[in-house]
C-alpha atoms as a PDB file:
ATOM      1  CA  MET A   1       9.987  57.342  11.757  1.00  0.00           C
ATOM      2  CA  ASN A   2       9.167  55.127   8.884  1.00  0.00           C
ATOM      3  CA  ILE A   3      10.263  52.174  10.366  1.00  0.00           C
ATOM      4  CA  ARG A   4       8.248  52.407  13.643  1.00  0.00           C
ATOM      5  CA  ILE A   5       5.050  52.855  11.096  1.00  0.00           C
ATOM      6  CA  VAL A   6       6.228  49.721   9.180  1.00  0.00           C
ATOM      7  CA  ALA A   7       6.970  47.793  12.476  1.00  0.00           C
ATOM      8  CA  MET A   8       3.299  48.917  13.729  1.00  0.00           C
ATOM      9  CA  LEU A   9       1.654  47.614  10.411  1.00  0.00           C
ATOM     10  CA  LEU A  10       3.601  44.299  10.937  1.00  0.00           C
ATOM     11  CA  LEU A  11       2.669  43.683  14.060  1.00  0.00           C
ATOM     12  CA  GLY A  12      -1.313  44.572  13.147  1.00  0.00           C
ATOM     13  CA  LEU A  13      -1.109  42.170  10.701  1.00  0.00           C
ATOM     14  CA  LEU A  14       0.495  39.447  12.743  1.00  0.00           C
ATOM     15  CA  VAL A  15      -2.202  40.161  15.445  1.00  0.00           C
ATOM     16  CA  ILE A  16      -4.921  40.035  12.616  1.00  0.00           C
ATOM     17  CA  ALA A  17      -3.555  36.531  11.221  1.00  0.00           C
ATOM     18  CA  GLY A  18      -3.139  34.894  14.628  1.00  0.00           C
ATOM     19  CA  CYS A  19      -7.035  35.533  15.247  1.00  0.00           C
ATOM     20  CA  GLN A  20      -7.879  33.819  11.902  1.00  0.00           C
ATOM     21  CA  GLY A  21      -6.767  30.413  12.461  1.00  0.00           C
ATOM     22  CA  ASN A  22      -6.745  27.323  10.464  1.00  0.00           C
ATOM     23  CA  ASP A  23      -9.709  25.260   9.103  1.00  0.00           C
ATOM     24  CA  GLU A  24      -8.766  21.999   7.348  1.00  0.00           C
ATOM     25  CA  ASP A  25     -11.309  19.810   5.597  1.00  0.00           C
ATOM     26  CA  ALA A  26     -10.515  16.217   4.135  1.00  0.00           C
ATOM     27  CA  VAL A  27     -12.661  13.571   2.445  1.00  0.00           C
ATOM     28  CA  GLU A  28     -11.146   9.982   2.421  1.00  0.00           C
ATOM     29  CA  GLN A  29     -11.867   6.587   1.446  1.00  0.00           C
ATOM     30  CA  GLU A  30      -9.830   3.736   2.744  1.00  0.00           C
ATOM     31  CA  THR A  31      -9.797  -0.040   3.608  1.00  0.00           C
ATOM     32  CA  VAL A  32      -8.648  -0.774   7.239  1.00  0.00           C
ATOM     33  CA  GLU A  33      -7.303  -4.028   8.636  1.00  0.00           C
ATOM     34  CA  GLY A  34      -9.314  -4.889  11.685  1.00  0.00           C
ATOM     35  CA  PHE A  35     -11.478  -7.453  13.616  1.00  0.00           C
ATOM     36  CA  SER A  36     -14.978  -8.245  11.939  1.00  0.00           C
ATOM     37  CA  SER A  37     -16.345 -10.056  15.339  1.00  0.00           C
ATOM     38  CA  ASN A  38     -15.585  -9.566  19.221  1.00  0.00           C
ATOM     39  CA  GLU A  39     -13.753 -12.809  19.064  1.00  0.00           C
ATOM     40  CA  TYR A  40     -10.086 -12.176  18.522  1.00  0.00           C
ATOM     41  CA  THR A  41      -7.701 -14.941  17.402  1.00  0.00           C
ATOM     42  CA  LEU A  42      -4.284 -14.724  19.357  1.00  0.00           C
ATOM     43  CA  VAL A  43      -1.499 -15.782  17.284  1.00  0.00           C
ATOM     44  CA  ASP A  44       2.331 -15.625  18.641  1.00  0.00           C
ATOM     45  CA  GLY A  45       1.451 -13.082  21.200  1.00  0.00           C
ATOM     46  CA  TYR A  46      -0.305 -11.032  18.321  1.00  0.00           C
ATOM     47  CA  TYR A  47      -3.904 -10.516  17.704  1.00  0.00           C
ATOM     48  CA  GLU A  48      -4.799 -11.998  14.230  1.00  0.00           C
ATOM     49  CA  PRO A  49      -7.321  -9.673  12.328  1.00  0.00           C
ATOM     50  CA  ASP A  50     -10.188 -11.784  11.025  1.00  0.00           C
ATOM     51  CA  GLY A  51     -11.446  -9.070   8.496  1.00  0.00           C
ATOM     52  CA  TYR A  52     -11.393  -5.609   7.348  1.00  0.00           C
ATOM     53  CA  LYS A  53     -13.627  -2.462   7.318  1.00  0.00           C
ATOM     54  CA  GLN A  54     -14.009  -0.134   4.177  1.00  0.00           C
ATOM     55  CA  VAL A  55     -14.665   3.442   5.202  1.00  0.00           C
ATOM     56  CA  ASN A  56     -15.729   6.741   3.620  1.00  0.00           C
ATOM     57  CA  SER A  57     -15.132   9.764   5.915  1.00  0.00           C
ATOM     58  CA  ILE A  58     -15.050  13.520   6.234  1.00  0.00           C
ATOM     59  CA  THR A  59     -12.834  15.112   8.499  1.00  0.00           C
ATOM     60  CA  TYR A  60     -13.228  18.716   9.523  1.00  0.00           C
ATOM     61  CA  ILE A  61     -10.804  20.748  11.715  1.00  0.00           C
ATOM     62  CA  LYS A  62     -10.880  24.370  12.885  1.00  0.00           C
ATOM     63  CA  ASP A  63      -8.558  25.667  14.996  1.00  0.00           C
ATOM     64  CA  ASN A  64      -8.286  29.134  15.845  1.00  0.00           C
ATOM     65  CA  ARG A  65      -7.311  31.575  18.833  1.00  0.00           C
ATOM     66  CA  HIS A  66     -10.305  30.921  20.925  1.00  0.00           C
ATOM     67  CA  GLU A  67     -11.291  27.471  20.139  1.00  0.00           C
ATOM     68  CA  THR A  68     -10.738  23.752  18.214  1.00  0.00           C
ATOM     69  CA  VAL A  69     -13.508  22.036  16.451  1.00  0.00           C
ATOM     70  CA  ALA A  70     -13.069  18.779  15.431  1.00  0.00           C
ATOM     71  CA  VAL A  71     -15.986  16.874  13.209  1.00  0.00           C
ATOM     72  CA  ILE A  72     -15.808  13.245  11.841  1.00  0.00           C
ATOM     73  CA  VAL A  73     -18.419  11.853   9.764  1.00  0.00           C
ATOM     74  CA  ALA A  74     -17.971   8.308   8.471  1.00  0.00           C
ATOM     75  CA  ILE A  75     -19.324   5.233   6.953  1.00  0.00           C
ATOM     76  CA  GLU A  76     -17.650   1.961   7.763  1.00  0.00           C
ATOM     77  CA  ASP A  77     -18.627  -1.343   6.056  1.00  0.00           C
ATOM     78  CA  TYR A  78     -17.347  -4.560   8.004  1.00  0.00           C
ATOM     79  CA  TYR A  79     -16.214  -7.725   6.176  1.00  0.00           C
ATOM     80  CA  ASP A  80     -14.965 -10.853   7.059  1.00  0.00           C
ATOM     81  CA  ALA A  81     -11.473 -12.358   5.784  1.00  0.00           C
ATOM     82  CA  ASP A  82     -13.370 -14.305   3.201  1.00  0.00           C
ATOM     83  CA  HIS A  83     -14.816 -10.941   1.956  1.00  0.00           C
ATOM     84  CA  ASN A  84     -18.491 -11.682   3.126  1.00  0.00           C
ATOM     85  CA  TYR A  85     -20.604  -8.371   4.190  1.00  0.00           C
ATOM     86  CA  ILE A  86     -21.168  -8.224   7.948  1.00  0.00           C
ATOM     87  CA  ARG A  87     -22.530  -4.834   8.826  1.00  0.00           C
ATOM     88  CA  SER A  88     -22.417  -1.114   8.407  1.00  0.00           C
ATOM     89  CA  HIS A  89     -21.982   1.558  10.826  1.00  0.00           C
ATOM     90  CA  PHE A  90     -22.371   5.261  10.609  1.00  0.00           C
ATOM     91  CA  VAL A  91     -20.324   7.828  12.924  1.00  0.00           C
ATOM     92  CA  ASP A  92     -21.029  11.266  13.432  1.00  0.00           C
ATOM     93  CA  LEU A  93     -18.816  12.537  16.168  1.00  0.00           C
ATOM     94  CA  GLN A  94     -18.044  16.675  16.982  1.00  0.00           C
ATOM     95  CA  THR A  95     -15.621  17.845  19.746  1.00  0.00           C
ATOM     96  CA  GLN A  96     -15.271  21.396  20.632  1.00  0.00           C
ATOM     97  CA  LYS A  97     -12.889  22.966  22.814  1.00  0.00           C
ATOM     98  CA  SER A  98     -12.565  26.330  24.248  1.00  0.00           C
ATOM     99  CA  LYS A  99      -9.128  27.880  24.652  1.00  0.00           C
ATOM    100  CA  LEU A 100     -10.509  30.525  26.676  1.00  0.00           C
ATOM    101  CA  THR A 101     -12.516  28.606  29.148  1.00  0.00           C
ATOM    102  CA  TYR A 102     -11.195  25.285  28.718  1.00  0.00           C
ATOM    103  CA  ALA A 103     -14.768  23.846  28.323  1.00  0.00           C
ATOM    104  CA  GLU A 104     -15.031  20.923  26.457  1.00  0.00           C
ATOM    105  CA  SER A 105     -18.407  19.462  24.600  1.00  0.00           C
ATOM    106  CA  THR A 106     -18.870  16.177  22.613  1.00  0.00           C
ATOM    107  CA  ARG A 107     -21.620  15.261  20.491  1.00  0.00           C
ATOM    108  CA  ASN A 108     -21.435  11.722  19.355  1.00  0.00           C
ATOM    109  CA  HIS A 109     -24.151  10.035  17.243  1.00  0.00           C
ATOM    110  CA  SER A 110     -23.359   6.545  16.129  1.00  0.00           C
ATOM    111  CA  GLN A 111     -25.565   3.717  14.784  1.00  0.00           C
ATOM    112  CA  ASP A 112     -25.651   0.670  12.590  1.00  0.00           C
ATOM    113  CA  ILE A 113     -27.181   1.105   9.344  1.00  0.00           C
ATOM    114  CA  GLU A 114     -28.446  -1.100   6.231  1.00  0.00           C
ATOM    115  CA  GLY A 115     -25.490  -1.561   3.933  1.00  0.00           C
ATOM    116  CA  PRO A 116     -23.008  -1.788   2.461  1.00  0.00           C
ATOM    117  CA  LEU A 117     -22.997   1.830   1.675  1.00  0.00           C
ATOM    118  CA  THR A 118     -19.043   2.817   1.141  1.00  0.00           C
ATOM    119  CA  ILE A 119     -18.756   4.020  -2.513  1.00  0.00           C
ATOM    120  CA  HIS A 120     -15.469   4.266  -4.726  1.00  0.00           C
ATOM    121  CA  ILE A 121     -13.754   1.375  -2.901  1.00  0.00           C
ATOM    122  CA  PRO A 122     -13.440  -1.731  -5.270  1.00  0.00           C
ATOM    123  CA  GLU A 123     -15.372  -4.887  -4.032  1.00  0.00           C
ATOM    124  CA  GLN A 124     -12.726  -7.296  -1.904  1.00  0.00           C
ATOM    125  CA  ASP A 125     -10.222  -4.701  -1.696  1.00  0.00           C
ATOM    126  CA  THR A 126      -7.917  -5.605   0.884  1.00  0.00           C
ATOM    127  CA  GLU A 127      -4.927  -3.593  -0.140  1.00  0.00           C
ATOM    128  CA  PHE A 128      -4.146  -1.398   2.983  1.00  0.00           C
ATOM    129  CA  ARG A 129      -2.640   1.542   1.196  1.00  0.00           C
ATOM    130  CA  PRO A 130      -3.976   4.951   0.042  1.00  0.00           C
ATOM    131  CA  ARG A 131      -5.683   5.762  -3.044  1.00  0.00           C
ATOM    132  CA  TYR A 132      -5.839   8.783  -5.153  1.00  0.00           C
ATOM    133  CA  LEU A 133      -9.149  10.089  -6.262  1.00  0.00           C
ATOM    134  CA  THR A 134     -10.267  12.722  -8.558  1.00  0.00           C
ATOM    135  CA  GLU A 135     -11.929  15.751  -7.386  1.00  0.00           C
ATOM    136  CA  GLU A 136     -15.170  14.499  -8.799  1.00  0.00           C
ATOM    137  CA  GLN A 137     -14.774  11.395  -6.913  1.00  0.00           C
ATOM    138  CA  LEU A 138     -14.001  13.377  -3.636  1.00  0.00           C
ATOM    139  CA  ALA A 139     -17.088  15.472  -4.191  1.00  0.00           C
ATOM    140  CA  GLU A 140     -19.516  12.298  -4.869  1.00  0.00           C
ATOM    141  CA  ILE A 141     -18.165  10.868  -1.575  1.00  0.00           C
ATOM    142  CA  ARG A 142     -18.768  14.153   0.221  1.00  0.00           C
ATOM    143  CA  ALA A 143     -22.262  14.316  -0.921  1.00  0.00           C
ATOM    144  CA  HIS A 144     -22.949  10.433  -0.222  1.00  0.00           C
ATOM    145  CA  ILE A 145     -21.787  11.020   3.311  1.00  0.00           C
ATOM    146  CA  LEU A 146     -23.653  14.073   3.899  1.00  0.00           C
ATOM    147  CA  GLN A 147     -26.639  12.561   2.640  1.00  0.00           C
ATOM    148  CA  VAL A 148     -26.574   9.381   4.422  1.00  0.00           C
ATOM    149  CA  ARG A 149     -25.907  11.845   7.682  1.00  0.00           C
ATOM    150  CA  GLU A 150     -29.258  13.760   6.988  1.00  0.00           C
ATOM    151  CA  GLU A 151     -31.176  10.224   6.810  1.00  0.00           C
ATOM    152  CA  ASN A 152     -29.527   8.998   9.846  1.00  0.00           C
ATOM    153  CA  SER A 153     -29.932  12.209  12.213  1.00  0.00           C
END
């Protein structure tokens, strides 16, 4: 009799845990090799990068039994190979998909902005590797991105 009660309680906890889902939130800053213009240089069959971009971003993913939601908010500063600033771009993308009805919706706001605006990335940084930031720096990046989002919405 006691085994049945324990089994029912465990089953109930598993059902409740399955409804809660996972929320993930990440604040990042990085330098990404890329193309600063629409002109690509082909070298030995490969496209040669002619610049890089520095990125501050917030990524939020919510995944539960009923839906999956992904939000990306980013500031991108583009530079040529000689470290000359070219332009800044703001991206605010949200995608939502229902697991019940399979309906999907996307909201994409993207525009060029005055810059450069990325923070906590050393100038002329072309080392394409992860950097570790303090909690204070991550909080500053989050606040900065949300402020730029509010100004450009």
